[in-house]
Amino acid sequence: MSAQEKAKAKAEQTKGKVKREAGRAVGNESKEAEGRAEQAKGDLRGAKEKAKDAFHD
């Protein structure tokens, strides 16, 4: 996994988690859903990079 892509994935996951928790804290379901989606996007990016690494080894 390239370091840059790994960092992007981790940043998306973290940003999504923060947004999700902030939405939950204030009762904003829309922000909570945005955060879950962003976190999932980061998870997918990380999984894609792991799959690429598996085929290149």
N, C-alpha and C. Protein backbone atom coordinates (compact mmCIF):
# COMPACT_ATOMS: atom_id res chain seq x y z
N MET A 1 0.86 -1.17 0.00
CA MET A 1 0.00 0.00 0.00
C MET A 1 0.90 1.23 0.00
N SER A 2 0.65 2.13 -0.94
CA SER A 2 1.48 3.32 -0.96
C SER A 2 1.19 4.16 0.27
N ALA A 3 2.20 4.78 0.76
CA ALA A 3 2.05 5.57 1.98
C ALA A 3 1.05 6.70 1.80
N GLN A 4 1.05 7.31 0.63
CA GLN A 4 0.14 8.42 0.38
C GLN A 4 -1.32 7.95 0.38
N GLU A 5 -1.60 6.85 -0.28
CA GLU A 5 -2.97 6.32 -0.31
C GLU A 5 -3.41 5.83 1.07
N LYS A 6 -2.47 5.24 1.80
CA LYS A 6 -2.78 4.78 3.15
C LYS A 6 -3.14 5.96 4.03
N ALA A 7 -2.40 7.05 3.90
CA ALA A 7 -2.68 8.26 4.67
C ALA A 7 -4.04 8.85 4.31
N LYS A 8 -4.37 8.85 3.01
CA LYS A 8 -5.67 9.35 2.57
C LYS A 8 -6.80 8.52 3.17
N ALA A 9 -6.64 7.22 3.14
CA ALA A 9 -7.66 6.32 3.68
C ALA A 9 -7.86 6.58 5.17
N LYS A 10 -6.76 6.69 5.89
CA LYS A 10 -6.83 6.91 7.34
C LYS A 10 -7.47 8.27 7.64
N ALA A 11 -7.12 9.29 6.85
CA ALA A 11 -7.69 10.62 7.06
C ALA A 11 -9.19 10.61 6.81
N GLU A 12 -9.63 9.94 5.76
CA GLU A 12 -11.07 9.84 5.48
C GLU A 12 -11.80 9.10 6.59
N GLN A 13 -11.20 8.04 7.06
CA GLN A 13 -11.82 7.27 8.14
C GLN A 13 -11.97 8.13 9.39
N THR A 14 -10.92 8.84 9.74
CA THR A 14 -10.93 9.67 10.93
C THR A 14 -11.90 10.83 10.79
N LYS A 15 -11.86 11.51 9.65
CA LYS A 15 -12.77 12.64 9.42
C LYS A 15 -14.22 12.17 9.47
N GLY A 16 -14.49 11.02 8.89
CA GLY A 16 -15.84 10.48 8.91
C GLY A 16 -16.29 10.14 10.32
N LYS A 17 -15.39 9.57 11.09
CA LYS A 17 -15.74 9.20 12.47
C LYS A 17 -16.04 10.44 13.30
N VAL A 18 -15.23 11.48 13.14
CA VAL A 18 -15.45 12.72 13.88
C VAL A 18 -16.79 13.34 13.48
N LYS A 19 -17.06 13.38 12.17
CA LYS A 19 -18.31 13.95 11.69
C LYS A 19 -19.51 13.14 12.18
N ARG A 20 -19.37 11.82 12.17
CA ARG A 20 -20.45 10.95 12.64
C ARG A 20 -20.74 11.19 14.11
N GLU A 21 -19.69 11.24 14.91
CA GLU A 21 -19.86 11.44 16.35
C GLU A 21 -20.41 12.84 16.67
N ALA A 22 -19.96 13.84 15.93
CA ALA A 22 -20.47 15.19 16.14
C ALA A 22 -21.96 15.24 15.79
N GLY A 23 -22.34 14.62 14.70
CA GLY A 23 -23.75 14.57 14.33
C GLY A 23 -24.58 13.86 15.37
N ARG A 24 -24.05 12.78 15.89
CA ARG A 24 -24.75 12.02 16.93
C ARG A 24 -24.91 12.86 18.20
N ALA A 25 -23.87 13.59 18.55
CA ALA A 25 -23.89 14.39 19.78
C ALA A 25 -24.95 15.49 19.75
N VAL A 26 -25.15 16.08 18.57
CA VAL A 26 -26.12 17.18 18.49
C VAL A 26 -27.46 16.72 17.92
N GLY A 27 -27.57 15.45 17.61
CA GLY A 27 -28.83 14.91 17.10
C GLY A 27 -29.09 15.22 15.64
N ASN A 28 -28.03 15.46 14.87
CA ASN A 28 -28.16 15.77 13.45
C ASN A 28 -27.95 14.49 12.65
N GLU A 29 -29.04 13.85 12.26
CA GLU A 29 -28.95 12.57 11.56
C GLU A 29 -28.27 12.70 10.21
N SER A 30 -28.44 13.84 9.55
CA SER A 30 -27.81 14.06 8.25
C SER A 30 -26.28 14.05 8.37
N LYS A 31 -25.75 14.78 9.35
CA LYS A 31 -24.30 14.80 9.56
C LYS A 31 -23.79 13.43 9.97
N GLU A 32 -24.57 12.74 10.77
CA GLU A 32 -24.19 11.40 11.20
C GLU A 32 -24.07 10.47 9.99
N ALA A 33 -25.04 10.57 9.09
CA ALA A 33 -25.02 9.74 7.87
C ALA A 33 -23.85 10.13 6.97
N GLU A 34 -23.59 11.43 6.85
CA GLU A 34 -22.43 11.88 6.05
C GLU A 34 -21.14 11.29 6.62
N GLY A 35 -21.03 11.31 7.92
CA GLY A 35 -19.84 10.77 8.57
C GLY A 35 -19.68 9.29 8.32
N ARG A 36 -20.79 8.54 8.42
CA ARG A 36 -20.72 7.10 8.14
C ARG A 36 -20.29 6.85 6.70
N ALA A 37 -20.83 7.64 5.77
CA ALA A 37 -20.47 7.46 4.36
C ALA A 37 -19.00 7.77 4.12
N GLU A 38 -18.51 8.84 4.72
CA GLU A 38 -17.12 9.21 4.55
C GLU A 38 -16.18 8.17 5.16
N GLN A 39 -16.57 7.65 6.30
CA GLN A 39 -15.77 6.61 6.94
C GLN A 39 -15.74 5.36 6.07
N ALA A 40 -16.87 5.00 5.48
CA ALA A 40 -16.94 3.84 4.59
C ALA A 40 -16.07 4.05 3.36
N LYS A 41 -16.05 5.27 2.84
CA LYS A 41 -15.21 5.58 1.68
C LYS A 41 -13.74 5.34 2.02
N GLY A 42 -13.33 5.76 3.21
CA GLY A 42 -11.95 5.53 3.65
C GLY A 42 -11.67 4.05 3.82
N ASP A 43 -12.65 3.30 4.34
CA ASP A 43 -12.48 1.85 4.49
C ASP A 43 -12.29 1.19 3.12
N LEU A 44 -13.08 1.62 2.15
CA LEU A 44 -12.97 1.05 0.80
C LEU A 44 -11.63 1.38 0.15
N ARG A 45 -11.19 2.61 0.35
CA ARG A 45 -9.89 3.01 -0.22
C ARG A 45 -8.78 2.14 0.37
N GLY A 46 -8.83 1.91 1.67
CA GLY A 46 -7.83 1.07 2.31
C GLY A 46 -7.88 -0.37 1.82
N ALA A 47 -9.10 -0.90 1.64
CA ALA A 47 -9.25 -2.26 1.15
C ALA A 47 -8.73 -2.39 -0.27
N LYS A 48 -8.97 -1.36 -1.09
CA LYS A 48 -8.49 -1.38 -2.48
C LYS A 48 -6.96 -1.44 -2.50
N GLU A 49 -6.34 -0.64 -1.67
CA GLU A 49 -4.88 -0.63 -1.63
C GLU A 49 -4.32 -1.97 -1.13
N LYS A 50 -4.98 -2.57 -0.17
CA LYS A 50 -4.52 -3.88 0.33
C LYS A 50 -4.64 -4.94 -0.76
N ALA A 51 -5.72 -4.87 -1.54
CA ALA A 51 -5.90 -5.82 -2.63
C ALA A 51 -4.82 -5.62 -3.69
N LYS A 52 -4.50 -4.38 -4.00
CA LYS A 52 -3.44 -4.10 -4.98
C LYS A 52 -2.13 -4.67 -4.48
N ASP A 53 -1.86 -4.50 -3.20
CA ASP A 53 -0.60 -5.03 -2.63
C ASP A 53 -0.56 -6.55 -2.73
N ALA A 54 -1.68 -7.19 -2.52
CA ALA A 54 -1.72 -8.66 -2.56
C ALA A 54 -1.39 -9.18 -3.95
N PHE A 55 -1.81 -8.48 -4.99
CA PHE A 55 -1.56 -8.92 -6.35
C PHE A 55 -0.17 -8.56 -6.84
N HIS A 56 0.46 -7.59 -6.20
CA HIS A 56 1.78 -7.16 -6.63
C HIS A 56 2.91 -7.84 -5.89
N ASP A 57 2.57 -8.63 -4.89
CA ASP A 57 3.63 -9.32 -4.13
C ASP A 57 3.98 -10.63 -4.73
